[in-house]
Amino acid sequence: MSETTRVGRDGALRLGFERRGARTVLARCRSTLPLQVLAPLALPDRAAVVSLLNPTGGVLGGDRLHVDVEVGPGAHACLTTPSATRVYRTAGEPAVQAVRLVVGRGATLEWAPDHTIPFAGSDYRQTIEVEVGEGAGLVLIDAFSAGRVAAGERWRFRRLESALTVRDARGELLHDRFVLRGAADALGATEGADYFATLVVVAPRGLDDLADEAPALAHGCGARAGAGRLAGGAVVLRCLAPTAPALLDALDRLWAVTRRLALGAPPLALRKP
């Protein structure tokens, strides 16, 4: 395939955040369609919020997307999306997204995109690699649906794959990977739930309380959650939900309590109706 025919298919996004005085600024931003960002918003807690945008309306087979984010020492960035990410049917190549996140010394990164919806016949493969500096904080959400559930497309995608790796200066904190080829509605997969998410938190405080509170918070939304502590100051939460509203409500509550316990910050109201 020629370079001309790849225009709009090979998307790249590079963001660099810096601490300047008492606030965080988006110091570097470079993007190639179909990836863009909206103008950053400054929060009272000194964080900068940036919304990632795909103006084509979804991810197509053959798309190759690369996201590279660096948060400098002492800075605080929050990245989200305006809505769920739709991955469309493909008869050929898979859609591939590679995400690299670097969180500098004493910095904080919150990676909180809405969930991914794999359409029937779609093939989506994602990698997320995170490097966490000394004293840094990380809140990362990786969420999916079983498909276009309202349209009856449950577990009809061709392939759904996500690999998540988190490292610090001492080595690997977490490597988590799944590969689903539809028909995942069973014990050991999502156990009857149409929506599922992983929440990873790296922080110097609050993790024991977070792990204790998470199951009850999710249960109050009609969802289920479990938590596990990892060596090196990290916790992993798994969340299963029967509906999209239940998933979003549970993630909002889990995110809010994570900000309070692990980051010492108030909740954010970024979710869209």
C-alpha atoms as a PDB file:
ATOM      1  CA  MET A   1       0.000   0.000   0.000  1.00  0.00           C
ATOM      2  CA  SER A   2       1.418   3.383  -1.016  1.00  0.00           C
ATOM      3  CA  GLU A   3       2.009   6.271   1.365  1.00  0.00           C
ATOM      4  CA  THR A   4      -0.821   8.170  -0.307  1.00  0.00           C
ATOM      5  CA  THR A   5      -3.380   5.450   0.380  1.00  0.00           C
ATOM      6  CA  ARG A   6      -2.239   5.331   4.035  1.00  0.00           C
ATOM      7  CA  VAL A   7      -3.188   8.988   4.642  1.00  0.00           C
ATOM      8  CA  GLY A   8      -5.788   9.078   7.390  1.00  0.00           C
ATOM      9  CA  ARG A   9      -4.995   5.485   8.369  1.00  0.00           C
ATOM     10  CA  ASP A  10      -1.625   5.890  10.144  1.00  0.00           C
ATOM     11  CA  GLY A  11      -2.501   8.159  13.053  1.00  0.00           C
ATOM     12  CA  ALA A  12       0.106   9.482  15.462  1.00  0.00           C
ATOM     13  CA  LEU A  13      -0.297  11.578  18.582  1.00  0.00           C
ATOM     14  CA  ARG A  14       2.560  12.888  20.715  1.00  0.00           C
ATOM     15  CA  LEU A  15       1.857  14.904  23.848  1.00  0.00           C
ATOM     16  CA  GLY A  16       4.260  16.377  26.383  1.00  0.00           C
ATOM     17  CA  PHE A  17       3.122  17.867  29.695  1.00  0.00           C
ATOM     18  CA  GLU A  18       5.248  20.079  31.954  1.00  0.00           C
ATOM     19  CA  ARG A  19       4.892  21.598  35.390  1.00  0.00           C
ATOM     20  CA  ARG A  20       5.204  25.384  35.231  1.00  0.00           C
ATOM     21  CA  GLY A  21       4.835  27.068  38.568  1.00  0.00           C
ATOM     22  CA  ALA A  22       1.658  25.803  40.213  1.00  0.00           C
ATOM     23  CA  ARG A  23       0.069  24.389  37.080  1.00  0.00           C
ATOM     24  CA  THR A  24       0.495  21.776  34.370  1.00  0.00           C
ATOM     25  CA  VAL A  25       0.620  22.836  30.719  1.00  0.00           C
ATOM     26  CA  LEU A  26       0.519  20.943  27.439  1.00  0.00           C
ATOM     27  CA  ALA A  27       3.976  21.979  26.265  1.00  0.00           C
ATOM     28  CA  ARG A  28       4.217  19.757  23.171  1.00  0.00           C
ATOM     29  CA  CYS A  29       1.461  18.509  20.880  1.00  0.00           C
ATOM     30  CA  ARG A  30       1.822  16.899  17.494  1.00  0.00           C
ATOM     31  CA  SER A  31      -0.873  14.864  15.754  1.00  0.00           C
ATOM     32  CA  THR A  32      -1.552  13.113  12.465  1.00  0.00           C
ATOM     33  CA  LEU A  33      -5.090  12.201  11.372  1.00  0.00           C
ATOM     34  CA  PRO A  34      -7.132  10.343  12.405  1.00  0.00           C
ATOM     35  CA  LEU A  35      -5.896  11.321  15.884  1.00  0.00           C
ATOM     36  CA  GLN A  36      -6.434  14.774  17.364  1.00  0.00           C
ATOM     37  CA  VAL A  37      -6.903  16.431  20.756  1.00  0.00           C
ATOM     38  CA  LEU A  38      -9.258  19.085  22.054  1.00  0.00           C
ATOM     39  CA  ALA A  39      -7.889  22.174  23.787  1.00  0.00           C
ATOM     40  CA  PRO A  40      -6.627  21.352  27.307  1.00  0.00           C
ATOM     41  CA  LEU A  41      -8.601  22.367  30.379  1.00  0.00           C
ATOM     42  CA  ALA A  42      -6.965  23.436  33.640  1.00  0.00           C
ATOM     43  CA  LEU A  43      -8.455  22.092  36.869  1.00  0.00           C
ATOM     44  CA  PRO A  44      -8.347  23.679  40.334  1.00  0.00           C
ATOM     45  CA  ASP A  45      -6.237  20.748  41.567  1.00  0.00           C
ATOM     46  CA  ARG A  46      -3.509  21.832  39.073  1.00  0.00           C
ATOM     47  CA  ALA A  47      -4.152  19.008  36.625  1.00  0.00           C
ATOM     48  CA  ALA A  48      -4.463  19.519  32.867  1.00  0.00           C
ATOM     49  CA  VAL A  49      -7.275  17.590  31.150  1.00  0.00           C
ATOM     50  CA  VAL A  50      -6.965  16.682  27.468  1.00  0.00           C
ATOM     51  CA  SER A  51      -9.613  14.883  25.438  1.00  0.00           C
ATOM     52  CA  LEU A  52      -8.389  12.527  22.705  1.00  0.00           C
ATOM     53  CA  LEU A  53     -10.449  12.664  19.523  1.00  0.00           C
ATOM     54  CA  ASN A  54     -10.876  10.545  16.398  1.00  0.00           C
ATOM     55  CA  PRO A  55     -12.896  12.720  13.970  1.00  0.00           C
ATOM     56  CA  THR A  56     -13.574   9.789  11.623  1.00  0.00           C
ATOM     57  CA  GLY A  57     -16.078   8.416  14.151  1.00  0.00           C
ATOM     58  CA  GLY A  58     -14.331   5.132  14.810  1.00  0.00           C
ATOM     59  CA  VAL A  59     -11.432   2.784  14.144  1.00  0.00           C
ATOM     60  CA  LEU A  60     -11.287   0.903  10.843  1.00  0.00           C
ATOM     61  CA  GLY A  61      -9.569  -2.315   9.863  1.00  0.00           C
ATOM     62  CA  GLY A  62      -6.039  -1.528   8.724  1.00  0.00           C
ATOM     63  CA  ASP A  63      -5.736   1.579  10.894  1.00  0.00           C
ATOM     64  CA  ARG A  64      -2.408   1.878  12.698  1.00  0.00           C
ATOM     65  CA  LEU A  65      -2.582   4.300  15.601  1.00  0.00           C
ATOM     66  CA  HIS A  66       0.292   5.388  17.849  1.00  0.00           C
ATOM     67  CA  VAL A  67      -0.149   7.467  21.004  1.00  0.00           C
ATOM     68  CA  ASP A  68       2.897   8.731  22.905  1.00  0.00           C
ATOM     69  CA  VAL A  69       2.424  10.717  26.130  1.00  0.00           C
ATOM     70  CA  GLU A  70       5.131  12.087  28.426  1.00  0.00           C
ATOM     71  CA  VAL A  71       4.282  13.736  31.748  1.00  0.00           C
ATOM     72  CA  GLY A  72       7.257  15.654  33.096  1.00  0.00           C
ATOM     73  CA  PRO A  73       8.441  15.741  36.725  1.00  0.00           C
ATOM     74  CA  GLY A  74       5.794  17.079  39.087  1.00  0.00           C
ATOM     75  CA  ALA A  75       3.164  17.552  36.359  1.00  0.00           C
ATOM     76  CA  HIS A  76      -0.377  16.145  36.498  1.00  0.00           C
ATOM     77  CA  ALA A  77      -2.227  15.175  33.321  1.00  0.00           C
ATOM     78  CA  CYS A  78      -5.608  13.548  32.767  1.00  0.00           C
ATOM     79  CA  LEU A  79      -6.473  12.077  29.362  1.00  0.00           C
ATOM     80  CA  THR A  80      -9.976  11.016  28.388  1.00  0.00           C
ATOM     81  CA  THR A  81     -12.242  10.727  25.296  1.00  0.00           C
ATOM     82  CA  PRO A  82     -15.513  12.447  24.334  1.00  0.00           C
ATOM     83  CA  SER A  83     -17.295   9.091  23.960  1.00  0.00           C
ATOM     84  CA  ALA A  84     -16.791   5.371  23.534  1.00  0.00           C
ATOM     85  CA  THR A  85     -14.440   4.167  20.787  1.00  0.00           C
ATOM     86  CA  ARG A  86     -16.133   2.174  18.021  1.00  0.00           C
ATOM     87  CA  VAL A  87     -14.152  -0.460  16.139  1.00  0.00           C
ATOM     88  CA  TYR A  88     -15.762  -1.350  12.815  1.00  0.00           C
ATOM     89  CA  ARG A  89     -15.996  -4.610  10.887  1.00  0.00           C
ATOM     90  CA  THR A  90     -13.048  -5.601   8.734  1.00  0.00           C
ATOM     91  CA  ALA A  91     -12.635  -8.217   6.040  1.00  0.00           C
ATOM     92  CA  GLY A  92      -8.879  -7.773   5.982  1.00  0.00           C
ATOM     93  CA  GLU A  93      -6.232  -6.276   8.246  1.00  0.00           C
ATOM     94  CA  PRO A  94      -6.779  -5.695  11.968  1.00  0.00           C
ATOM     95  CA  ALA A  95      -6.905  -2.271  13.559  1.00  0.00           C
ATOM     96  CA  VAL A  96      -3.847  -1.734  15.747  1.00  0.00           C
ATOM     97  CA  GLN A  97      -3.264   0.845  18.469  1.00  0.00           C
ATOM     98  CA  ALA A  98       0.002   1.220  20.386  1.00  0.00           C
ATOM     99  CA  VAL A  99       0.068   3.490  23.444  1.00  0.00           C
ATOM    100  CA  ARG A 100       3.228   4.563  25.279  1.00  0.00           C
ATOM    101  CA  LEU A 101       2.898   6.491  28.534  1.00  0.00           C
ATOM    102  CA  VAL A 102       5.837   7.927  30.479  1.00  0.00           C
ATOM    103  CA  VAL A 103       5.174   9.367  33.942  1.00  0.00           C
ATOM    104  CA  GLY A 104       8.103  11.345  35.294  1.00  0.00           C
ATOM    105  CA  ARG A 105       9.442  11.639  38.829  1.00  0.00           C
ATOM    106  CA  GLY A 106       6.701  12.839  41.198  1.00  0.00           C
ATOM    107  CA  ALA A 107       4.246  13.257  38.280  1.00  0.00           C
ATOM    108  CA  THR A 108       0.686  11.944  37.951  1.00  0.00           C
ATOM    109  CA  LEU A 109      -1.105  10.552  34.908  1.00  0.00           C
ATOM    110  CA  GLU A 110      -4.752   9.576  34.738  1.00  0.00           C
ATOM    111  CA  TRP A 111      -5.565   7.612  31.566  1.00  0.00           C
ATOM    112  CA  ALA A 112      -9.367   7.379  31.510  1.00  0.00           C
ATOM    113  CA  PRO A 113     -10.841   6.889  28.033  1.00  0.00           C
ATOM    114  CA  ASP A 114     -14.425   5.680  27.658  1.00  0.00           C
ATOM    115  CA  HIS A 115     -14.888   2.013  26.818  1.00  0.00           C
ATOM    116  CA  THR A 116     -14.149   0.380  23.455  1.00  0.00           C
ATOM    117  CA  ILE A 117     -17.005  -1.187  21.449  1.00  0.00           C
ATOM    118  CA  PRO A 118     -15.882  -3.928  19.026  1.00  0.00           C
ATOM    119  CA  PHE A 119     -18.496  -4.322  16.261  1.00  0.00           C
ATOM    120  CA  ALA A 120     -19.358  -7.712  14.769  1.00  0.00           C
ATOM    121  CA  GLY A 121     -16.526  -8.878  12.521  1.00  0.00           C
ATOM    122  CA  SER A 122     -14.023  -6.384  13.948  1.00  0.00           C
ATOM    123  CA  ASP A 123     -10.394  -7.167  14.738  1.00  0.00           C
ATOM    124  CA  TYR A 124      -8.727  -4.846  17.270  1.00  0.00           C
ATOM    125  CA  ARG A 125      -5.290  -5.243  18.825  1.00  0.00           C
ATOM    126  CA  GLN A 126      -4.008  -2.828  21.455  1.00  0.00           C
ATOM    127  CA  THR A 127      -0.841  -2.463  23.493  1.00  0.00           C
ATOM    128  CA  ILE A 128      -0.321  -0.059  26.387  1.00  0.00           C
ATOM    129  CA  GLU A 129       3.172   0.330  27.828  1.00  0.00           C
ATOM    130  CA  VAL A 130       3.710   2.541  30.876  1.00  0.00           C
ATOM    131  CA  GLU A 131       6.925   3.720  32.522  1.00  0.00           C
ATOM    132  CA  VAL A 132       6.408   5.104  36.033  1.00  0.00           C
ATOM    133  CA  GLY A 133       9.065   7.273  37.668  1.00  0.00           C
ATOM    134  CA  GLU A 134      10.002   7.477  41.329  1.00  0.00           C
ATOM    135  CA  GLY A 135       7.178   8.808  43.493  1.00  0.00           C
ATOM    136  CA  ALA A 136       4.838   9.031  40.483  1.00  0.00           C
ATOM    137  CA  GLY A 137       1.121   8.248  40.430  1.00  0.00           C
ATOM    138  CA  LEU A 138      -0.822   6.348  37.767  1.00  0.00           C
ATOM    139  CA  VAL A 139      -4.547   5.752  37.339  1.00  0.00           C
ATOM    140  CA  LEU A 140      -5.284   3.739  34.185  1.00  0.00           C
ATOM    141  CA  ILE A 141      -8.642   2.461  32.918  1.00  0.00           C
ATOM    142  CA  ASP A 142      -8.922  -0.124  30.131  1.00  0.00           C
ATOM    143  CA  ALA A 143     -12.622  -0.865  29.447  1.00  0.00           C
ATOM    144  CA  PHE A 144     -14.582  -2.788  26.792  1.00  0.00           C
ATOM    145  CA  SER A 145     -18.033  -3.979  25.833  1.00  0.00           C
ATOM    146  CA  ALA A 146     -18.997  -7.326  24.306  1.00  0.00           C
ATOM    147  CA  GLY A 147     -20.022  -5.461  21.152  1.00  0.00           C
ATOM    148  CA  ARG A 148     -23.064  -3.445  20.098  1.00  0.00           C
ATOM    149  CA  VAL A 149     -25.165  -5.084  22.778  1.00  0.00           C
ATOM    150  CA  ALA A 150     -28.348  -3.109  22.023  1.00  0.00           C
ATOM    151  CA  ALA A 151     -28.147  -4.312  18.405  1.00  0.00           C
ATOM    152  CA  GLY A 152     -27.772  -7.939  19.488  1.00  0.00           C
ATOM    153  CA  GLU A 153     -24.066  -8.077  18.603  1.00  0.00           C
ATOM    154  CA  ARG A 154     -22.725  -9.841  21.665  1.00  0.00           C
ATOM    155  CA  TRP A 155     -19.305 -11.510  21.295  1.00  0.00           C
ATOM    156  CA  ARG A 156     -19.429 -11.423  17.500  1.00  0.00           C
ATOM    157  CA  PHE A 157     -16.131  -9.637  16.915  1.00  0.00           C
ATOM    158  CA  ARG A 158     -13.394 -11.536  15.112  1.00  0.00           C
ATOM    159  CA  ARG A 159     -10.640 -10.778  17.615  1.00  0.00           C
ATOM    160  CA  LEU A 160     -10.154  -8.457  20.584  1.00  0.00           C
ATOM    161  CA  GLU A 161      -6.731  -8.198  22.158  1.00  0.00           C
ATOM    162  CA  SER A 162      -5.223  -5.938  24.815  1.00  0.00           C
ATOM    163  CA  ALA A 163      -1.759  -6.118  26.370  1.00  0.00           C
ATOM    164  CA  LEU A 164      -0.905  -3.824  29.277  1.00  0.00           C
ATOM    165  CA  THR A 165       2.579  -3.505  30.782  1.00  0.00           C
ATOM    166  CA  VAL A 166       3.601  -1.212  33.647  1.00  0.00           C
ATOM    167  CA  ARG A 167       7.232  -0.768  34.680  1.00  0.00           C
ATOM    168  CA  ASP A 168       9.154   1.322  37.188  1.00  0.00           C
ATOM    169  CA  ALA A 169      12.893   1.752  37.747  1.00  0.00           C
ATOM    170  CA  ARG A 170      13.079  -1.651  39.457  1.00  0.00           C
ATOM    171  CA  GLY A 171      11.432  -3.554  36.628  1.00  0.00           C
ATOM    172  CA  GLU A 172       8.040  -4.878  35.634  1.00  0.00           C
ATOM    173  CA  LEU A 173       5.127  -4.181  37.991  1.00  0.00           C
ATOM    174  CA  LEU A 174       2.410  -5.680  35.823  1.00  0.00           C
ATOM    175  CA  HIS A 175       1.932  -7.491  32.542  1.00  0.00           C
ATOM    176  CA  ASP A 176      -1.675  -8.247  31.706  1.00  0.00           C
ATOM    177  CA  ARG A 177      -2.880  -9.614  28.367  1.00  0.00           C
ATOM    178  CA  PHE A 178      -6.050 -11.100  27.001  1.00  0.00           C
ATOM    179  CA  VAL A 179      -7.028 -12.387  23.568  1.00  0.00           C
ATOM    180  CA  LEU A 180     -10.734 -12.979  22.887  1.00  0.00           C
ATOM    181  CA  ARG A 181     -12.206 -14.423  19.701  1.00  0.00           C
ATOM    182  CA  GLY A 182     -15.869 -14.017  20.541  1.00  0.00           C
ATOM    183  CA  ALA A 183     -17.928 -16.462  22.615  1.00  0.00           C
ATOM    184  CA  ALA A 184     -16.225 -15.161  25.771  1.00  0.00           C
ATOM    185  CA  ASP A 185     -19.422 -15.284  27.806  1.00  0.00           C
ATOM    186  CA  ALA A 186     -18.330 -18.023  30.202  1.00  0.00           C
ATOM    187  CA  LEU A 187     -16.532 -18.798  33.435  1.00  0.00           C
ATOM    188  CA  GLY A 188     -12.985 -17.515  33.224  1.00  0.00           C
ATOM    189  CA  ALA A 189     -13.943 -14.795  30.745  1.00  0.00           C
ATOM    190  CA  THR A 190     -16.605 -12.255  31.713  1.00  0.00           C
ATOM    191  CA  GLU A 191     -19.026 -14.681  33.408  1.00  0.00           C
ATOM    192  CA  GLY A 192     -22.207 -13.320  31.846  1.00  0.00           C
ATOM    193  CA  ALA A 193     -21.271  -9.626  31.919  1.00  0.00           C
ATOM    194  CA  ASP A 194     -21.414  -7.608  28.693  1.00  0.00           C
ATOM    195  CA  TYR A 195     -19.040  -4.893  29.966  1.00  0.00           C
ATOM    196  CA  PHE A 196     -15.655  -5.335  31.598  1.00  0.00           C
ATOM    197  CA  ALA A 197     -12.793  -3.127  32.707  1.00  0.00           C
ATOM    198  CA  THR A 198      -9.386  -3.141  34.349  1.00  0.00           C
ATOM    199  CA  LEU A 199      -8.274  -0.303  36.611  1.00  0.00           C
ATOM    200  CA  VAL A 200      -4.570  -0.067  37.498  1.00  0.00           C
ATOM    201  CA  VAL A 201      -3.385   2.272  40.236  1.00  0.00           C
ATOM    202  CA  VAL A 202       0.220   3.039  41.164  1.00  0.00           C
ATOM    203  CA  ALA A 203       0.570   5.352  44.149  1.00  0.00           C
ATOM    204  CA  PRO A 204       2.552   5.722  47.364  1.00  0.00           C
ATOM    205  CA  ARG A 205      -0.547   5.679  49.580  1.00  0.00           C
ATOM    206  CA  GLY A 206      -4.167   4.587  49.948  1.00  0.00           C
ATOM    207  CA  LEU A 207      -3.952   1.299  48.083  1.00  0.00           C
ATOM    208  CA  ASP A 208      -5.044  -0.990  50.933  1.00  0.00           C
ATOM    209  CA  ASP A 209      -8.140   1.115  51.581  1.00  0.00           C
ATOM    210  CA  LEU A 210      -8.885   1.253  47.858  1.00  0.00           C
ATOM    211  CA  ALA A 211      -8.712  -2.520  47.542  1.00  0.00           C
ATOM    212  CA  ASP A 212     -11.025  -2.891  50.553  1.00  0.00           C
ATOM    213  CA  GLU A 213     -13.637  -0.391  49.328  1.00  0.00           C
ATOM    214  CA  ALA A 214     -13.797  -1.333  45.643  1.00  0.00           C
ATOM    215  CA  PRO A 215     -16.118  -4.394  45.795  1.00  0.00           C
ATOM    216  CA  ALA A 216     -18.832  -2.586  47.765  1.00  0.00           C
ATOM    217  CA  LEU A 217     -18.641   0.490  45.521  1.00  0.00           C
ATOM    218  CA  ALA A 218     -19.148  -1.589  42.375  1.00  0.00           C
ATOM    219  CA  HIS A 219     -21.919  -3.647  43.980  1.00  0.00           C
ATOM    220  CA  GLY A 220     -23.818  -0.455  44.699  1.00  0.00           C
ATOM    221  CA  CYS A 221     -23.960   0.186  40.934  1.00  0.00           C
ATOM    222  CA  GLY A 222     -25.110  -3.308  40.030  1.00  0.00           C
ATOM    223  CA  ALA A 223     -21.589  -4.297  38.968  1.00  0.00           C
ATOM    224  CA  ARG A 224     -18.941  -6.610  40.422  1.00  0.00           C
ATOM    225  CA  ALA A 225     -15.348  -5.789  41.270  1.00  0.00           C
ATOM    226  CA  GLY A 226     -12.331  -7.519  42.741  1.00  0.00           C
ATOM    227  CA  ALA A 227      -8.985  -6.090  43.773  1.00  0.00           C
ATOM    228  CA  GLY A 228      -5.454  -7.410  44.045  1.00  0.00           C
ATOM    229  CA  ARG A 229      -2.365  -5.805  45.556  1.00  0.00           C
ATOM    230  CA  LEU A 230       0.887  -6.026  43.627  1.00  0.00           C
ATOM    231  CA  ALA A 231       4.425  -5.665  44.854  1.00  0.00           C
ATOM    232  CA  GLY A 232       5.945  -2.255  44.266  1.00  0.00           C
ATOM    233  CA  GLY A 233       3.000  -0.079  45.302  1.00  0.00           C
ATOM    234  CA  ALA A 234       0.266  -0.981  42.841  1.00  0.00           C
ATOM    235  CA  VAL A 235      -3.251  -2.383  42.840  1.00  0.00           C
ATOM    236  CA  VAL A 236      -5.334  -3.933  40.029  1.00  0.00           C
ATOM    237  CA  LEU A 237      -9.135  -3.780  40.020  1.00  0.00           C
ATOM    238  CA  ARG A 238     -11.357  -5.879  37.741  1.00  0.00           C
ATOM    239  CA  CYS A 239     -14.900  -4.748  37.094  1.00  0.00           C
ATOM    240  CA  LEU A 240     -17.768  -6.619  35.392  1.00  0.00           C
ATOM    241  CA  ALA A 241     -21.104  -4.951  34.616  1.00  0.00           C
ATOM    242  CA  PRO A 242     -24.361  -5.986  32.906  1.00  0.00           C
ATOM    243  CA  THR A 243     -24.981  -2.627  31.184  1.00  0.00           C
ATOM    244  CA  ALA A 244     -23.070   0.410  29.965  1.00  0.00           C
ATOM    245  CA  PRO A 245     -24.641   2.726  32.592  1.00  0.00           C
ATOM    246  CA  ALA A 246     -23.656   0.273  35.330  1.00  0.00           C
ATOM    247  CA  LEU A 247     -20.084   0.122  34.036  1.00  0.00           C
ATOM    248  CA  LEU A 248     -19.742   3.909  33.746  1.00  0.00           C
ATOM    249  CA  ASP A 249     -21.281   4.456  37.169  1.00  0.00           C
ATOM    250  CA  ALA A 250     -18.973   1.878  38.765  1.00  0.00           C
ATOM    251  CA  LEU A 251     -15.888   3.329  37.056  1.00  0.00           C
ATOM    252  CA  ASP A 252     -16.869   6.846  38.100  1.00  0.00           C
ATOM    253  CA  ARG A 253     -17.155   5.748  41.728  1.00  0.00           C
ATOM    254  CA  LEU A 254     -13.945   3.728  41.629  1.00  0.00           C
ATOM    255  CA  TRP A 255     -12.112   6.602  39.972  1.00  0.00           C
ATOM    256  CA  ALA A 256     -13.452   9.069  42.536  1.00  0.00           C
ATOM    257  CA  VAL A 257     -12.370   6.984  45.513  1.00  0.00           C
ATOM    258  CA  THR A 258      -9.001   6.352  43.832  1.00  0.00           C
ATOM    259  CA  ARG A 259      -8.428  10.094  43.476  1.00  0.00           C
ATOM    260  CA  ARG A 260      -9.347  10.655  47.109  1.00  0.00           C
ATOM    261  CA  LEU A 261      -7.317   7.837  48.632  1.00  0.00           C
ATOM    262  CA  ALA A 262      -4.334   7.574  46.290  1.00  0.00           C
ATOM    263  CA  LEU A 263      -3.979  11.089  44.866  1.00  0.00           C
ATOM    264  CA  GLY A 264      -5.528  13.238  47.597  1.00  0.00           C
ATOM    265  CA  ALA A 265      -7.680  14.952  44.956  1.00  0.00           C
ATOM    266  CA  PRO A 266     -11.429  15.592  44.518  1.00  0.00           C
ATOM    267  CA  PRO A 267     -13.494  13.591  41.992  1.00  0.00           C
ATOM    268  CA  LEU A 268     -13.776  14.641  38.354  1.00  0.00           C
ATOM    269  CA  ALA A 269     -17.115  14.848  36.516  1.00  0.00           C
ATOM    270  CA  LEU A 270     -15.889  14.108  33.011  1.00  0.00           C
ATOM    271  CA  ARG A 271     -18.340  11.410  31.964  1.00  0.00           C
ATOM    272  CA  LYS A 272     -20.688  12.271  29.149  1.00  0.00           C
ATOM    273  CA  PRO A 273     -24.468  11.583  29.223  1.00  0.00           C
END
